[in-house]
Structures are given as structure tokens and as C-alpha cells.
């Protein structure tokens, strides 16, 4: 099979078998992850930026549909004045060079974020019995995210008119599966049961969601006290 993402598809379809081979060195795993994921993430960021700038320009000129505004109970004239007062969007030519810095930092930041939170969750679930350390989680995350980069490729389908709306739910389900997929890598590299690895990714989402909610509530309380 000559398709360049064939190995990723096989890994995603058979997650229990994807990490049975001898683990590579950490540097090799990170490079393999970046080599696959970084170009896709950059293309996705460029396309998203282009679409957002176009939407910004359209919003300033045309505004929102009148029917939608009426259902929301918003005066179209007031909103049109507000939108017209918005500054014009920056040009795409000014923004895209910054993406060459932001995207690699975002990729590495996402990798580290998943490693820290998944490792912590796996520890809470008793999945670190082999005591292989945080470096093992870094390796597992790099391996899993390399395969999961296929999800970024599938996400490009959301840009296709009409097709994007039809595939919204399947793409959302794919994102959920790719989140859980990291758990198989964690379990295999830490030598614990697969359910613990998958549960660690779920606990990660719960803990991080609770952390974000707590921070939002704290800021609201501080803003109210300062008012």
C-alpha cells in the first residue's frame, strides 16, 4: 500500500497492536511526530487563518443575517454600527510568517501538555507500577500523536462546502477516538492494562476541564470583587 498515511491508518484501526514493537529513542519518536504532524498543522493553521480573515471582512461589510438577529432579539442597526466600527482585519501576508513560529510551538506545547496530564492521570489510576518515569510518557505521547496526525488530514474535509456540515458529527467522533487512542500508547509503554491508559486520557479531560472551570470562576469572582 503506497499511501503515505497507510501505517497511521493501520495503527488507528488496531490500537492494541500499534505499540507492540520495540520503542524507539525519544528523540527519534519526537522527530517522527514532528515530521508528520507539523506540515499538516501548518497547512491547517494557514487555511484557518485565511478563512477567519475572510469571515472578518464579510462580517464588517454584510453583518449577520437579519433573520438570525431577530431570533436573538438584537437590533440590526445597532449591530451593524458596532461591526462597522471594528478595525479592518490584518492582511494574510502580515500574519502567515508568525504561524511559522506559532505552529511549531503549538505542536510541541500540545505534546508536552498531553504528556503531563496523561502521566498524572495514569499515576492516579495506578498505572505506573513499572516506575518507568515521565520520559516514557513523553515517548508514548510522541508515538501516539504521530499516528493521530491523520485526524488533522481528515479535518480538512470540514472545509469542503456542504460536505463539512455532513461530516461534522463523524469528525467530532474521530476527535474523541484520537483522544482515547493515546491511552493505548501509554498502557503499552508503561506496561499496564489498556483500560488504565484509556481511562487516563478520560481523567485528563475531566481534570483539565475542572481546572479551566475553576480558573474561570476565580476570575469572575475577582472581577466582581474589583467592580
Protein backbone atom coordinates (compact mmCIF):
# COMPACT_ATOMS: atom_id res chain seq x y z
CA UNK A 1 0.00 0.00 0.00
CA UNK A 2 1.74 3.12 -1.18
CA UNK A 3 -0.40 5.72 0.58
CA UNK A 4 1.91 7.72 2.89
CA UNK A 5 -0.55 7.51 5.82
CA UNK A 6 -1.19 3.78 5.47
CA UNK A 7 0.78 2.98 8.63
CA UNK A 8 -1.21 5.61 10.56
CA UNK A 9 -4.50 4.10 9.39
CA UNK A 10 -3.39 0.59 10.37
CA UNK A 11 -2.32 1.83 13.81
CA UNK A 12 -5.62 3.62 14.39
CA UNK A 13 -7.64 0.59 13.32
CA UNK A 14 -5.60 -1.78 15.53
CA UNK A 15 -4.51 0.28 18.55
CA UNK A 16 -3.61 -2.76 20.67
CA UNK A 17 -1.07 -3.87 18.08
CA UNK A 18 0.30 -0.44 17.17
CA UNK A 19 2.75 -0.25 20.08
CA UNK A 20 3.94 -3.84 20.41
CA UNK A 21 7.22 -3.17 18.62
CA UNK A 22 10.39 -2.15 20.40
CA UNK A 23 10.07 1.52 21.38
CA UNK A 24 12.31 3.97 19.52
CA UNK A 25 14.56 6.50 21.22
CA UNK A 26 12.76 9.58 22.49
CA UNK A 27 14.49 11.87 20.01
CA UNK A 28 13.55 9.61 17.11
CA UNK A 29 9.93 9.47 18.25
CA UNK A 30 9.68 13.25 18.58
CA UNK A 31 11.24 13.78 15.16
CA UNK A 32 8.88 11.24 13.57
CA UNK A 33 5.93 13.01 15.21
CA UNK A 34 7.06 16.45 14.04
CA UNK A 35 7.84 15.25 10.52
CA UNK A 36 4.25 14.03 10.05
CA UNK A 37 2.21 16.35 12.24
CA UNK A 38 3.97 19.68 11.77
CA UNK A 39 3.34 20.11 8.00
CA UNK A 40 -0.32 19.16 8.43
CA UNK A 41 -0.70 21.51 11.40
CA UNK A 42 0.91 24.34 9.43
CA UNK A 43 -1.40 23.83 6.43
CA UNK A 44 -4.38 23.69 8.77
CA UNK A 45 -3.31 26.90 10.54
CA UNK A 46 -2.77 28.73 7.25
CA UNK A 47 -6.16 27.65 5.92
CA UNK A 48 -7.94 28.51 9.17
CA UNK A 49 -6.32 31.95 9.30
CA UNK A 50 -7.32 32.66 5.71
CA UNK A 51 -10.92 31.63 6.40
CA UNK A 52 -11.12 33.68 9.62
CA UNK A 53 -9.82 36.81 7.91
CA UNK A 54 -12.34 36.35 5.11
CA UNK A 55 -15.15 35.89 7.64
CA UNK A 56 -14.00 39.02 9.48
CA UNK A 57 -14.13 41.09 6.28
CA UNK A 58 -17.53 39.72 5.35
CA UNK A 59 -18.90 40.37 8.83
CA UNK A 60 -17.81 44.02 8.77
CA UNK A 61 -19.42 44.60 5.38
CA UNK A 62 -22.53 42.42 5.41
CA UNK A 63 -23.10 41.73 9.10
CA UNK A 64 -25.15 38.80 10.37
CA UNK A 65 -28.35 37.61 8.67
CA UNK A 66 -31.34 39.72 9.68
CA UNK A 67 -33.44 36.67 10.49
CA UNK A 68 -30.82 35.39 12.93
CA UNK A 69 -30.61 38.80 14.63
CA UNK A 70 -34.38 38.93 15.06
CA UNK A 71 -34.42 35.49 16.68
CA UNK A 72 -31.68 36.64 19.05
CA UNK A 73 -33.56 39.81 19.86
CA UNK A 74 -30.78 42.08 18.57
CA UNK A 75 -31.41 45.35 16.74
CA UNK A 76 -29.80 45.00 13.28
CA UNK A 77 -28.98 48.72 13.14
CA UNK A 78 -27.16 48.70 16.46
CA UNK A 79 -25.17 45.64 15.50
CA UNK A 80 -24.30 46.98 12.05
CA UNK A 81 -22.91 50.16 13.64
CA UNK A 82 -20.87 48.06 16.05
CA UNK A 83 -19.49 45.84 13.29
CA UNK A 84 -18.67 48.82 11.10
CA UNK A 85 -16.63 50.26 13.96
CA UNK A 86 -14.43 47.18 14.07
CA UNK A 87 -10.94 47.69 12.69
CA UNK A 88 -10.23 46.10 9.31
CA UNK A 89 -8.58 42.69 9.54
CA UNK A 90 -4.83 42.48 9.07
CA UNK A 91 -3.62 41.17 5.75
CA UNK A 92 -2.83 37.49 5.38
CA UNK A 93 0.67 38.44 4.24
CA UNK A 94 1.38 40.04 7.60
CA UNK A 95 0.12 37.11 9.63
CA UNK A 96 1.40 33.97 7.92
CA UNK A 97 5.11 34.42 8.87
CA UNK A 98 4.10 34.38 12.53
CA UNK A 99 2.49 30.99 12.00
CA UNK A 100 5.93 29.58 11.17
CA UNK A 101 6.78 30.26 14.81
CA UNK A 102 3.40 29.72 16.47
CA UNK A 103 2.60 26.34 14.88
CA UNK A 104 5.81 24.51 15.92
CA UNK A 105 5.45 25.95 19.42
CA UNK A 106 1.82 24.84 19.46
CA UNK A 107 2.71 21.31 18.35
CA UNK A 108 5.42 20.94 20.99
CA UNK A 109 3.19 22.55 23.60
CA UNK A 110 0.36 20.14 22.84
CA UNK A 111 2.73 17.18 23.10
CA UNK A 112 4.04 18.34 26.48
CA UNK A 113 0.56 19.17 27.73
CA UNK A 114 -0.75 15.70 26.91
CA UNK A 115 2.31 14.07 28.43
CA UNK A 116 2.00 15.94 31.74
CA UNK A 117 -1.73 15.48 32.20
CA UNK A 118 -1.89 11.88 30.92
CA UNK A 119 1.09 10.89 33.07
CA UNK A 120 -0.55 12.44 36.13
CA UNK A 121 -3.86 10.74 35.40
CA UNK A 122 -2.16 7.38 34.84
CA UNK A 123 -0.39 7.76 38.18
CA UNK A 124 -3.71 8.47 39.91
CA UNK A 125 -5.14 5.30 38.35
CA UNK A 126 -2.23 3.16 39.50
CA UNK A 127 -0.81 2.60 36.02
CA UNK A 128 2.82 3.43 36.86
CA UNK A 129 3.63 0.18 38.65
CA UNK A 130 6.68 -0.42 36.46
CA UNK A 131 8.04 3.00 37.52
CA UNK A 132 9.31 3.85 34.05
CA UNK A 133 9.07 7.58 34.62
CA UNK A 134 7.85 10.66 32.80
CA UNK A 135 10.26 10.10 29.92
CA UNK A 136 8.24 7.01 28.98
CA UNK A 137 5.07 9.10 28.82
CA UNK A 138 6.83 11.62 26.58
CA UNK A 139 7.78 8.76 24.27
CA UNK A 140 4.28 7.26 24.28
CA UNK A 141 2.65 10.60 23.52
CA UNK A 142 5.05 11.29 20.64
CA UNK A 143 4.30 7.89 19.11
CA UNK A 144 0.54 8.26 19.51
CA UNK A 145 0.41 11.82 18.20
CA UNK A 146 2.34 10.78 15.12
CA UNK A 147 -0.42 8.34 14.20
CA UNK A 148 -3.17 10.70 15.35
CA UNK A 149 -1.96 13.35 12.91
CA UNK A 150 -4.16 11.53 10.40
CA UNK A 151 -7.04 13.27 12.15
CA UNK A 152 -5.68 16.64 11.04
CA UNK A 153 -5.71 15.38 7.47
CA UNK A 154 -9.31 14.23 7.84
CA UNK A 155 -10.18 17.60 9.35
CA UNK A 156 -9.50 19.27 6.00
CA UNK A 157 -12.79 17.74 4.81
CA UNK A 158 -14.61 20.20 7.08
CA UNK A 159 -13.53 22.99 4.69
CA UNK A 160 -15.43 21.49 1.77
CA UNK A 161 -18.78 23.29 1.24
CA UNK A 162 -21.80 21.17 2.20
CA UNK A 163 -19.59 18.17 2.91
CA UNK A 164 -18.23 19.89 6.02
CA UNK A 165 -21.69 20.08 7.56
CA UNK A 166 -22.47 16.47 6.72
CA UNK A 167 -19.23 15.25 8.26
CA UNK A 168 -19.39 17.43 11.37
CA UNK A 169 -20.54 14.61 13.67
CA UNK A 170 -18.21 11.91 12.23
CA UNK A 171 -15.25 14.28 12.55
CA UNK A 172 -16.23 15.06 16.14
CA UNK A 173 -16.38 11.34 16.91
CA UNK A 174 -12.97 10.89 15.27
CA UNK A 175 -11.53 13.60 17.51
CA UNK A 176 -12.90 11.73 20.53
CA UNK A 177 -11.37 8.47 19.38
CA UNK A 178 -7.99 10.09 18.73
CA UNK A 179 -8.07 11.47 22.26
CA UNK A 180 -8.60 7.97 23.66
CA UNK A 181 -6.04 6.48 21.26
CA UNK A 182 -3.19 7.97 23.28
CA UNK A 183 -4.19 5.70 26.13
CA UNK A 184 -3.11 2.59 24.22
CA UNK A 185 0.36 4.04 23.77
CA UNK A 186 0.58 4.94 27.47
CA UNK A 187 -0.51 1.45 28.52
CA UNK A 188 1.89 -0.31 26.16
CA UNK A 189 4.95 1.75 27.11
CA UNK A 190 4.22 1.74 30.85
CA UNK A 191 3.35 -1.96 30.89
CA UNK A 192 -0.15 -1.61 32.35
CA UNK A 193 -3.60 -2.70 31.24
CA UNK A 194 -5.05 -0.88 28.19
CA UNK A 195 -8.11 0.20 30.16
CA UNK A 196 -5.91 2.16 32.55
CA UNK A 197 -4.27 4.02 29.70
CA UNK A 198 -7.59 4.86 28.05
CA UNK A 199 -9.10 5.85 31.40
CA UNK A 200 -6.12 8.13 31.99
CA UNK A 201 -7.00 10.16 28.89
CA UNK A 202 -10.60 10.43 30.11
CA UNK A 203 -9.45 11.51 33.57
CA UNK A 204 -7.11 14.00 31.90
CA UNK A 205 -10.10 15.62 30.18
CA UNK A 206 -12.08 15.72 33.43
CA UNK A 207 -9.22 17.16 35.49
CA UNK A 208 -8.24 19.73 32.90
CA UNK A 209 -11.86 20.74 32.33
CA UNK A 210 -12.30 21.19 36.08
CA UNK A 211 -9.09 23.22 36.26
CA UNK A 212 -10.23 25.56 33.47
CA UNK A 213 -13.68 25.94 35.04
CA UNK A 214 -12.13 26.76 38.41
CA UNK A 215 -9.88 29.39 36.83
CA UNK A 216 -12.82 30.99 35.02
CA UNK A 217 -14.87 31.10 38.23
CA UNK A 218 -11.93 32.57 40.12
CA UNK A 219 -11.50 35.33 37.55
CA UNK A 220 -15.23 36.10 37.63
CA UNK A 221 -15.12 36.35 41.43
CA UNK A 222 -12.06 38.61 41.33
CA UNK A 223 -13.67 40.80 38.67
CA UNK A 224 -16.83 41.10 40.74
CA UNK A 225 -14.89 41.97 43.88
CA UNK A 226 -12.94 44.65 41.99
CA UNK A 227 -16.07 46.22 40.49
